[in-house]
């Protein structure tokens, strides 16, 4: 893009002043208390962008927000209703708020670490605006090359497991999609058509989306995927209000500590937003002619909004599911309930499209890790090399998806292990090692909050892994 002379005032200032909703966020500047001492230099990097009108500015900002939102809302929401059978709906709401706020705070900590590194690099005249765009690059600065490799391996394992879980969901729902669309005459024909549709979906839809170079190219799948997620929730709400109340919906069951830890682990997976945070933050910086501190504050507002929306969406979905099917009949994958409900055929199709279209957002960071490794050893990654990497990853994930157990167990294990490491431990370490938090009282408060959250989640995750391990192998 062509560079232009930087204006003294952001092109978004008139938009923010005239919009009451965004203005209320601006005036509610509690997140400003999280600011830390970052070197202020006249050369603080501002990414150049061609000038746009107001409509173009709103479009770019909304695209960044929806990309962040849809990178969070995905397959993990399918196991949210199951947690409402483990704890009460109000306990679930409190747990969702705690997990959402914790994940949001950890994401803001990553933004602070990124802003500090970029500002320091510019201060020493050695910086590049594209240098700190991944977990690996920040981890190297925080703990050296070895720590960087540990972070990359942990992320790769977590993303790979999440991709396998998503593929298993797609594979489970494909036969139902075939029965709705084609109405096969016998089971053998249905099996053949199901396998054909599965490969057709991945070869002609998923693979091309996974080949796109940047997350900004996935804007269409982001919008459609989130729209279908909202449609599923609204459909469940409508069915729960229009159907007769079931006595089974109010039946109680004993609640143990493991119920809470298992639920929180699933929420960890459903709220994980750290993986795509830095690439999306880079998109925001490209569409804002402001210093990195102001872009960071805008991204913090987006994170808070995403936490609120996801909390409301997940709670409505879980509450309506329990109200509709009863707290003893809601299964670990809500699709298993929807498949037996003839009135929910369209929502099932919406879920199918949601998982398919959100899969590339999960797959993209894994492919980037492999691309970065190849680039480090062999230089620039070509289109053919990127195609080979994506093909091998997708093929291996398809093969493993046949063998995994129930999806809720996969999401709980992932939330208690990989999501703990990626979403909680690494951000706390990044902030501690990189940010000058000792210089301000607010920095010290944020430091204490991050490590308190990490200790709490470590205890929760240990109990969840213990319970899931024994319950899985004992059955």
Protein backbone atom coordinates (compact mmCIF):
# COMPACT_ATOMS: atom_id res chain seq x y z
CA UNK A 1 0.00 0.00 0.00
CA UNK A 2 1.10 3.56 -0.66
CA UNK A 3 2.27 5.69 2.23
CA UNK A 4 0.60 9.02 2.88
CA UNK A 5 1.40 11.90 5.17
CA UNK A 6 0.11 11.08 8.62
CA UNK A 7 -2.76 13.33 9.73
CA UNK A 8 -2.66 15.01 13.10
CA UNK A 9 -6.04 13.55 13.92
CA UNK A 10 -7.30 10.06 13.24
CA UNK A 11 -9.75 9.66 10.36
CA UNK A 12 -11.93 7.68 12.77
CA UNK A 13 -12.29 10.49 15.30
CA UNK A 14 -15.45 12.01 13.72
CA UNK A 15 -17.01 8.56 13.48
CA UNK A 16 -16.35 7.76 17.11
CA UNK A 17 -17.64 11.16 18.24
CA UNK A 18 -20.96 10.75 16.41
CA UNK A 19 -21.66 7.18 17.37
CA UNK A 20 -23.18 6.91 20.83
CA UNK A 21 -22.35 3.24 21.34
CA UNK A 22 -18.66 3.54 20.58
CA UNK A 23 -18.54 6.86 22.39
CA UNK A 24 -19.81 5.17 25.54
CA UNK A 25 -16.98 2.67 25.27
CA UNK A 26 -14.49 5.51 24.80
CA UNK A 27 -15.79 7.38 27.85
CA UNK A 28 -15.75 4.20 29.91
CA UNK A 29 -11.94 4.13 30.03
CA UNK A 30 -11.32 1.65 32.81
CA UNK A 31 -9.00 -0.26 30.49
CA UNK A 32 -6.75 2.82 30.44
CA UNK A 33 -5.75 1.88 33.97
CA UNK A 34 -3.93 -1.09 32.47
CA UNK A 35 -1.53 1.21 30.59
CA UNK A 36 2.13 0.77 31.33
CA UNK A 37 5.20 2.87 30.71
CA UNK A 38 6.04 2.47 27.02
CA UNK A 39 8.71 4.64 25.41
CA UNK A 40 7.10 7.48 23.47
CA UNK A 41 9.08 8.41 20.37
CA UNK A 42 8.30 10.55 17.38
CA UNK A 43 9.08 7.52 15.21
CA UNK A 44 6.54 5.30 16.92
CA UNK A 45 5.48 3.11 13.97
CA UNK A 46 2.28 3.99 12.20
CA UNK A 47 1.36 1.63 9.39
CA UNK A 48 0.52 3.66 6.25
CA UNK A 49 -2.77 3.21 4.44
CA UNK A 50 -4.49 4.78 1.50
CA UNK A 51 -7.10 7.32 2.51
CA UNK A 52 -10.72 6.12 2.70
CA UNK A 53 -14.08 7.67 3.30
CA UNK A 54 -16.15 7.19 6.42
CA UNK A 55 -17.95 4.16 5.04
CA UNK A 56 -14.63 2.51 4.20
CA UNK A 57 -13.36 3.23 7.71
CA UNK A 58 -16.40 1.65 9.32
CA UNK A 59 -16.16 -1.35 7.02
CA UNK A 60 -12.52 -2.01 7.95
CA UNK A 61 -13.16 -1.64 11.68
CA UNK A 62 -16.22 -3.88 11.58
CA UNK A 63 -14.28 -6.47 9.60
CA UNK A 64 -11.52 -6.56 12.22
CA UNK A 65 -14.07 -6.91 15.02
CA UNK A 66 -16.03 -9.70 13.33
CA UNK A 67 -12.84 -11.57 12.46
CA UNK A 68 -11.89 -11.54 16.14
CA UNK A 69 -15.42 -12.53 17.16
CA UNK A 70 -15.68 -15.43 14.72
CA UNK A 71 -12.20 -16.67 15.64
CA UNK A 72 -13.67 -17.28 19.12
CA UNK A 73 -17.16 -18.56 18.26
CA UNK A 74 -16.78 -21.95 16.63
CA UNK A 75 -17.03 -25.66 17.27
CA UNK A 76 -16.41 -25.23 21.00
CA UNK A 77 -19.91 -23.84 21.47
CA UNK A 78 -21.41 -27.24 20.60
CA UNK A 79 -20.35 -28.63 24.00
CA UNK A 80 -21.51 -25.58 25.97
CA UNK A 81 -25.04 -27.00 26.56
CA UNK A 82 -23.51 -30.12 28.13
CA UNK A 83 -21.99 -28.00 30.92
CA UNK A 84 -25.49 -26.87 31.90
CA UNK A 85 -26.18 -30.49 32.89
CA UNK A 86 -23.15 -30.42 35.21
CA UNK A 87 -23.93 -27.15 37.00
CA UNK A 88 -26.97 -24.88 37.30
CA UNK A 89 -27.61 -22.21 34.69
CA UNK A 90 -26.76 -19.36 37.08
CA UNK A 91 -23.56 -21.06 38.14
CA UNK A 92 -22.82 -21.51 34.45
CA UNK A 93 -23.39 -17.79 33.87
CA UNK A 94 -20.96 -16.87 36.65
CA UNK A 95 -18.41 -19.36 35.33
CA UNK A 96 -18.78 -17.98 31.81
CA UNK A 97 -18.20 -14.45 33.09
CA UNK A 98 -15.13 -15.50 35.09
CA UNK A 99 -13.58 -17.41 32.20
CA UNK A 100 -14.45 -14.73 29.65
CA UNK A 101 -12.98 -11.91 31.74
CA UNK A 102 -9.87 -13.97 32.48
CA UNK A 103 -9.26 -14.79 28.83
CA UNK A 104 -9.93 -11.18 27.89
CA UNK A 105 -7.42 -9.94 30.45
CA UNK A 106 -4.81 -12.40 29.21
CA UNK A 107 -5.39 -11.20 25.65
CA UNK A 108 -4.92 -7.59 26.73
CA UNK A 109 -1.65 -8.63 28.40
CA UNK A 110 -0.44 -10.00 25.06
CA UNK A 111 -1.30 -6.68 23.41
CA UNK A 112 0.75 -4.86 26.05
CA UNK A 113 3.72 -7.14 25.42
CA UNK A 114 3.45 -6.64 21.67
CA UNK A 115 3.16 -2.85 22.02
CA UNK A 116 6.16 -2.72 24.34
CA UNK A 117 8.35 -4.70 21.95
CA UNK A 118 7.35 -2.63 18.91
CA UNK A 119 7.85 0.65 20.76
CA UNK A 120 11.22 -0.43 22.17
CA UNK A 121 12.39 -1.61 18.76
CA UNK A 122 11.43 1.72 17.24
CA UNK A 123 13.11 3.58 20.10
CA UNK A 124 16.39 1.82 19.33
CA UNK A 125 15.90 2.33 15.55
CA UNK A 126 16.08 -1.42 14.94
CA UNK A 127 12.39 -2.18 14.58
CA UNK A 128 10.12 -3.48 11.91
CA UNK A 129 6.36 -3.14 12.01
CA UNK A 130 6.03 -6.78 10.94
CA UNK A 131 8.49 -8.28 13.40
CA UNK A 132 6.26 -9.30 16.31
CA UNK A 133 3.24 -10.86 14.65
CA UNK A 134 3.35 -14.32 16.26
CA UNK A 135 3.56 -16.02 19.63
CA UNK A 136 6.96 -17.39 18.64
CA UNK A 137 8.55 -13.99 18.04
CA UNK A 138 7.30 -12.64 21.38
CA UNK A 139 8.33 -15.84 23.18
CA UNK A 140 11.89 -15.53 21.83
CA UNK A 141 12.11 -12.02 23.27
CA UNK A 142 10.63 -13.19 26.58
CA UNK A 143 12.68 -16.34 27.17
CA UNK A 144 15.07 -16.97 24.31
CA UNK A 145 15.01 -19.37 21.33
CA UNK A 146 14.36 -22.48 23.44
CA UNK A 147 11.28 -20.94 25.04
CA UNK A 148 10.16 -19.85 21.58
CA UNK A 149 10.29 -23.43 20.32
CA UNK A 150 8.40 -24.67 23.39
CA UNK A 151 5.66 -22.12 22.73
CA UNK A 152 5.45 -23.05 19.05
CA UNK A 153 5.22 -26.77 19.78
CA UNK A 154 2.54 -26.22 22.43
CA UNK A 155 0.47 -24.12 20.06
CA UNK A 156 0.86 -26.62 17.23
CA UNK A 157 -0.35 -29.49 19.43
CA UNK A 158 -3.34 -27.50 20.68
CA UNK A 159 -4.41 -26.34 17.23
CA UNK A 160 -3.92 -29.78 15.74
CA UNK A 161 -6.15 -31.34 18.40
CA UNK A 162 -8.79 -28.66 17.88
CA UNK A 163 -8.76 -29.27 14.13
CA UNK A 164 -9.23 -33.01 14.66
CA UNK A 165 -12.20 -32.30 16.93
CA UNK A 166 -13.80 -30.02 14.33
CA UNK A 167 -13.34 -32.60 11.59
CA UNK A 168 -14.97 -35.23 13.80
CA UNK A 169 -17.97 -32.93 14.26
CA UNK A 170 -18.22 -32.45 10.50
CA UNK A 171 -17.91 -36.19 9.93
CA UNK A 172 -20.65 -36.96 12.48
CA UNK A 173 -23.10 -34.52 10.95
CA UNK A 174 -22.45 -35.35 7.28
CA UNK A 175 -24.80 -38.42 7.26
CA UNK A 176 -27.61 -36.28 8.63
CA UNK A 177 -26.98 -33.61 5.99
CA UNK A 178 -27.10 -36.31 3.30
CA UNK A 179 -30.40 -37.66 4.64
CA UNK A 180 -31.93 -34.17 4.58
CA UNK A 181 -30.77 -33.19 1.10
CA UNK A 182 -30.77 -36.45 -0.87
CA UNK A 183 -32.96 -38.90 1.12
CA UNK A 184 -30.98 -42.05 0.14
CA UNK A 185 -32.85 -45.30 -0.38
CA UNK A 186 -30.71 -47.56 1.84
CA UNK A 187 -27.90 -47.48 4.39
CA UNK A 188 -25.17 -48.50 1.94
CA UNK A 189 -26.00 -45.66 -0.42
CA UNK A 190 -26.16 -43.23 2.50
CA UNK A 191 -22.70 -44.30 3.70
CA UNK A 192 -21.22 -43.86 0.23
CA UNK A 193 -22.84 -40.46 -0.21
CA UNK A 194 -21.69 -39.38 3.25
CA UNK A 195 -18.06 -40.24 2.55
CA UNK A 196 -18.27 -38.53 -0.82
CA UNK A 197 -19.76 -35.37 0.69
CA UNK A 198 -17.08 -35.33 3.39
CA UNK A 199 -14.24 -35.43 0.85
CA UNK A 200 -16.06 -33.02 -1.44
CA UNK A 201 -16.40 -30.54 1.41
CA UNK A 202 -12.73 -30.66 2.35
CA UNK A 203 -11.31 -30.73 -1.18
CA UNK A 204 -13.48 -28.03 -2.75
CA UNK A 205 -14.41 -25.82 0.24
CA UNK A 206 -12.13 -26.23 3.26
CA UNK A 207 -8.81 -26.70 1.44
CA UNK A 208 -9.10 -23.52 -0.70
CA UNK A 209 -10.02 -21.51 2.40
CA UNK A 210 -7.06 -22.96 4.29
CA UNK A 211 -4.78 -21.95 1.41
CA UNK A 212 -5.58 -18.24 1.74
CA UNK A 213 -2.52 -16.28 2.76
CA UNK A 214 -3.98 -14.05 5.47
CA UNK A 215 -6.92 -13.95 7.85
CA UNK A 216 -8.26 -10.84 6.12
CA UNK A 217 -9.04 -13.03 3.10
CA UNK A 218 -11.45 -15.05 5.28
CA UNK A 219 -13.86 -12.17 5.91
CA UNK A 220 -16.73 -13.82 4.02
CA UNK A 221 -16.45 -17.10 5.93
CA UNK A 222 -16.17 -15.08 9.16
CA UNK A 223 -19.44 -13.26 8.58
CA UNK A 224 -21.36 -16.32 7.38
CA UNK A 225 -20.05 -18.54 10.18
CA UNK A 226 -21.01 -16.11 12.91
CA UNK A 227 -24.43 -15.53 11.33
CA UNK A 228 -25.16 -19.26 11.44
CA UNK A 229 -24.02 -19.45 15.07
CA UNK A 230 -26.50 -16.72 15.99
CA UNK A 231 -29.19 -18.47 13.92
CA UNK A 232 -28.61 -21.72 15.85
CA UNK A 233 -28.97 -19.93 19.18
CA UNK A 234 -32.12 -18.08 18.12
CA UNK A 235 -33.62 -21.33 16.81
CA UNK A 236 -32.97 -23.05 20.13
CA UNK A 237 -34.53 -20.12 21.98
CA UNK A 238 -37.62 -20.21 19.77
CA UNK A 239 -38.04 -23.96 20.22
CA UNK A 240 -37.61 -23.72 23.98
CA UNK A 241 -40.32 -21.05 24.27
CA UNK A 242 -42.73 -22.62 21.78
CA UNK A 243 -42.49 -26.20 23.07
CA UNK A 244 -44.23 -27.58 26.13
CA UNK A 245 -42.26 -27.36 29.35
CA UNK A 246 -40.75 -30.65 30.35
CA UNK A 247 -40.53 -31.72 33.96
CA UNK A 248 -37.19 -33.27 33.14
CA UNK A 249 -35.77 -29.82 32.56
CA UNK A 250 -36.00 -28.97 36.25
CA UNK A 251 -34.67 -32.25 37.61
CA UNK A 252 -31.57 -31.77 39.72
CA UNK A 253 -28.45 -33.85 39.96
CA UNK A 254 -25.63 -33.81 42.52
CA UNK A 255 -22.95 -31.23 41.79
CA UNK A 256 -19.32 -32.02 42.60
CA UNK A 257 -16.07 -30.11 42.28
CA UNK A 258 -15.25 -32.04 39.12
CA UNK A 259 -18.45 -30.73 37.53
CA UNK A 260 -17.17 -27.18 37.92
CA UNK A 261 -13.64 -27.92 36.74
CA UNK A 262 -14.87 -29.83 33.70
CA UNK A 263 -17.26 -27.01 32.80
CA UNK A 264 -14.58 -24.34 33.19
CA UNK A 265 -12.21 -26.37 31.00
CA UNK A 266 -14.81 -26.47 28.21
CA UNK A 267 -15.34 -22.72 28.62
CA UNK A 268 -11.57 -22.21 28.31
CA UNK A 269 -11.68 -23.79 24.88
CA UNK A 270 -14.78 -21.84 23.87
CA UNK A 271 -13.24 -18.47 24.87
CA UNK A 272 -9.73 -19.00 23.50
CA UNK A 273 -8.95 -15.91 21.40
CA UNK A 274 -5.17 -15.59 21.83
CA UNK A 275 -4.12 -17.68 18.82
CA UNK A 276 -5.32 -15.25 16.14
CA UNK A 277 -5.04 -12.11 18.27
CA UNK A 278 -1.75 -10.73 16.90
CA UNK A 279 -2.57 -11.16 13.18
CA UNK A 280 -5.96 -9.52 13.76
CA UNK A 281 -4.27 -6.74 15.74
CA UNK A 282 -2.01 -6.16 12.75
CA UNK A 283 -5.12 -5.75 10.57
CA UNK A 284 -6.42 -3.14 12.99
CA UNK A 285 -3.14 -1.24 12.86
CA UNK A 286 -3.23 -1.22 9.08
CA UNK A 287 -6.63 0.44 9.04
CA UNK A 288 -5.84 3.01 11.76
CA UNK A 289 -3.41 5.88 11.21
CA UNK A 290 -2.55 6.12 14.89
CA UNK A 291 0.23 5.12 17.23
CA UNK A 292 0.36 1.58 18.51
CA UNK A 293 -0.87 2.55 21.99
CA UNK A 294 -4.14 3.92 20.57
CA UNK A 295 -4.60 0.88 18.34
CA UNK A 296 -3.99 -1.32 21.37
CA UNK A 297 -6.71 0.52 23.30
CA UNK A 298 -9.18 0.06 20.43
CA UNK A 299 -8.32 -3.64 20.28
CA UNK A 300 -8.91 -3.85 24.04
CA UNK A 301 -12.42 -2.48 23.47
CA UNK A 302 -12.99 -5.13 20.82
CA UNK A 303 -11.84 -7.85 23.22
CA UNK A 304 -14.25 -6.65 25.92
CA UNK A 305 -17.12 -6.58 23.43
CA UNK A 306 -16.30 -10.10 22.23
CA UNK A 307 -16.31 -11.39 25.82
CA UNK A 308 -19.75 -9.87 26.45
CA UNK A 309 -21.25 -11.19 23.20
CA UNK A 310 -19.84 -14.70 23.63
CA UNK A 311 -20.96 -14.91 27.25
CA UNK A 312 -24.51 -13.96 26.29
CA UNK A 313 -24.52 -16.26 23.25
CA UNK A 314 -23.20 -19.28 25.18
CA UNK A 315 -25.56 -18.78 28.11
CA UNK A 316 -28.63 -18.44 25.89
CA UNK A 317 -27.65 -21.57 23.94
CA UNK A 318 -27.07 -23.62 27.10
CA UNK A 319 -30.21 -22.41 28.86
CA UNK A 320 -32.47 -23.06 25.89
CA UNK A 321 -30.96 -26.52 25.35
CA UNK A 322 -31.66 -27.58 28.93
CA UNK A 323 -35.13 -26.07 28.77
CA UNK A 324 -35.88 -27.94 25.54
CA UNK A 325 -34.34 -31.38 26.10
CA UNK A 326 -33.95 -31.62 29.88
CA UNK A 327 -30.73 -31.61 31.87
CA UNK A 328 -30.43 -35.41 31.72
CA UNK A 329 -30.85 -35.69 27.96
CA UNK A 330 -28.52 -32.96 26.70
CA UNK A 331 -25.51 -34.79 25.27
CA UNK A 332 -21.86 -33.80 25.01
CA UNK A 333 -22.41 -32.68 21.43
CA UNK A 334 -25.68 -30.78 21.03
CA UNK A 335 -25.86 -31.95 17.42
CA UNK A 336 -26.77 -35.41 18.68
CA UNK A 337 -29.91 -33.87 20.19
CA UNK A 338 -30.69 -31.76 17.16
CA UNK A 339 -30.43 -34.73 14.78
CA UNK A 340 -33.39 -36.40 16.47
CA UNK A 341 -35.53 -33.25 16.35
CA UNK A 342 -37.34 -32.90 12.98
CA UNK A 343 -37.95 -29.19 13.60
CA UNK A 344 -34.22 -28.43 13.81
CA UNK A 345 -33.11 -29.53 10.34
CA UNK A 346 -32.21 -26.02 9.19
CA UNK A 347 -30.26 -25.20 12.38
CA UNK A 348 -28.30 -28.45 11.93
CA UNK A 349 -27.38 -27.37 8.42
CA UNK A 350 -26.40 -23.99 9.86
CA UNK A 351 -24.12 -25.69 12.38
CA UNK A 352 -22.57 -27.76 9.62
CA UNK A 353 -21.76 -24.61 7.65
CA UNK A 354 -20.57 -22.82 10.81
CA UNK A 355 -18.01 -25.50 11.63
CA UNK A 356 -16.89 -25.79 8.01
CA UNK A 357 -16.45 -22.03 7.59
CA UNK A 358 -14.81 -21.47 10.99
CA UNK A 359 -12.36 -24.36 10.52
CA UNK A 360 -9.90 -22.28 8.41
CA UNK A 361 -9.68 -19.69 11.23
CA UNK A 362 -8.45 -22.47 13.53
CA UNK A 363 -6.27 -24.08 10.88
CA UNK A 364 -4.57 -20.85 9.78
CA UNK A 365 -2.24 -20.43 12.82
CA UNK A 366 -1.10 -24.06 12.51
CA UNK A 367 -0.23 -23.59 8.86
CA UNK A 368 1.55 -20.34 9.71
CA UNK A 369 3.72 -22.16 12.25
CA UNK A 370 4.76 -24.67 9.59
CA UNK A 371 5.31 -21.84 7.08
CA UNK A 372 7.48 -19.95 9.56
CA UNK A 373 9.59 -23.05 10.16
CA UNK A 374 10.03 -23.55 6.41
CA UNK A 375 10.80 -19.87 5.85
CA UNK A 376 13.43 -19.91 8.59
CA UNK A 377 15.24 -22.81 6.91
CA UNK A 378 14.57 -22.24 3.20
CA UNK A 379 13.48 -18.64 2.72
CA UNK A 380 10.14 -17.42 1.34
CA UNK A 381 7.31 -19.97 1.27
CA UNK A 382 5.90 -20.51 -2.22
CA UNK A 383 2.29 -21.26 -3.10
CA UNK A 384 3.17 -24.86 -3.95
CA UNK A 385 4.93 -25.37 -0.62
CA UNK A 386 1.98 -23.87 1.22
CA UNK A 387 -0.34 -26.24 -0.65
CA UNK A 388 1.78 -29.25 0.31
CA UNK A 389 1.83 -28.25 3.97
CA UNK A 390 -1.94 -27.68 4.07
CA UNK A 391 -2.61 -30.98 2.25
CA UNK A 392 -0.48 -33.06 4.62
CA UNK A 393 -1.98 -31.45 7.71
CA UNK A 394 -5.58 -31.87 6.53
CA UNK A 395 -5.06 -35.46 5.43
CA UNK A 396 -3.51 -36.51 8.75
CA UNK A 397 -6.28 -34.76 10.69
CA UNK A 398 -8.96 -36.49 8.62
CA UNK A 399 -7.41 -39.86 9.39
CA UNK A 400 -7.17 -39.19 13.13
CA UNK A 401 -10.71 -37.83 13.35
CA UNK A 402 -12.05 -41.37 12.93
CA UNK A 403 -10.50 -42.52 16.21
CA UNK A 404 -11.18 -39.72 18.69
CA UNK A 405 -13.76 -40.18 21.51
CA UNK A 406 -16.69 -37.89 22.37
CA UNK A 407 -16.21 -34.28 21.37
CA UNK A 408 -16.95 -32.91 24.84
CA UNK A 409 -14.07 -34.97 26.26
CA UNK A 410 -11.73 -33.63 23.58
CA UNK A 411 -12.73 -30.03 24.25
CA UNK A 412 -12.44 -30.47 28.02
CA UNK A 413 -8.99 -32.08 27.75
CA UNK A 414 -7.84 -29.37 25.36
CA UNK A 415 -9.23 -26.61 27.55
CA UNK A 416 -7.59 -28.02 30.68
CA UNK A 417 -4.20 -28.63 29.08
CA UNK A 418 -3.30 -26.73 25.92
CA UNK A 419 -5.64 -23.79 26.50
CA UNK A 420 -4.23 -23.40 30.02
CA UNK A 421 -0.70 -23.20 28.61
CA UNK A 422 -1.49 -21.00 25.59
CA UNK A 423 -4.26 -18.82 26.96
CA UNK A 424 -3.08 -18.32 30.55
CA UNK A 425 0.53 -19.30 31.24
CA UNK A 426 2.22 -17.84 28.18
CA UNK A 427 0.48 -14.43 28.35
CA UNK A 428 1.37 -14.09 32.04
CA UNK A 429 5.01 -14.94 31.27
CA UNK A 430 5.09 -12.56 28.28
CA UNK A 431 3.79 -9.68 30.37
CA UNK A 432 6.14 -10.42 33.26
CA UNK A 433 9.27 -10.71 31.12
CA UNK A 434 8.65 -7.95 28.57
CA UNK A 435 6.49 -5.20 30.06
CA UNK A 436 7.91 -2.68 32.59
CA UNK A 437 5.09 -3.43 35.01
CA UNK A 438 7.13 -2.46 38.09
CA UNK A 439 7.09 1.22 37.12
CA UNK A 440 3.40 1.86 37.82
CA UNK A 441 0.85 0.77 40.38
CA UNK A 442 -1.50 -0.28 37.59
CA UNK A 443 1.23 -2.47 36.10
CA UNK A 444 1.77 -4.17 39.45
CA UNK A 445 -1.98 -4.70 39.84
CA UNK A 446 -2.22 -6.29 36.39
CA UNK A 447 0.80 -8.47 37.15
CA UNK A 448 -0.81 -9.73 40.37
CA UNK A 449 -4.11 -10.34 38.59
CA UNK A 450 -2.48 -12.38 35.81
CA UNK A 451 -0.60 -14.65 38.17
CA UNK A 452 -3.61 -15.09 40.45
CA UNK A 453 -5.60 -16.21 37.42
CA UNK A 454 -2.82 -18.58 36.40
CA UNK A 455 -2.68 -20.22 39.84
CA UNK A 456 -6.47 -20.61 39.91
CA UNK A 457 -6.62 -22.15 36.44
CA UNK A 458 -3.71 -24.48 37.20
CA UNK A 459 -5.64 -25.95 40.13
CA UNK A 460 -8.85 -26.21 38.08
CA UNK A 461 -7.07 -27.83 35.13
CA UNK A 462 -5.28 -30.36 37.32
CA UNK A 463 -8.56 -31.57 38.80
CA UNK A 464 -10.27 -31.61 35.39
CA UNK A 465 -7.49 -33.68 33.79
CA UNK A 466 -7.51 -36.07 36.75
CA UNK A 467 -11.27 -36.55 36.53
CA UNK A 468 -11.37 -36.89 32.74
CA UNK A 469 -8.47 -39.34 32.70
CA UNK A 470 -9.96 -41.67 35.29
CA UNK A 471 -13.51 -41.43 33.91
CA UNK A 472 -12.35 -42.07 30.33
CA UNK A 473 -10.21 -45.11 31.07
CA UNK A 474 -12.65 -46.59 33.61
CA UNK A 475 -15.48 -46.83 31.06
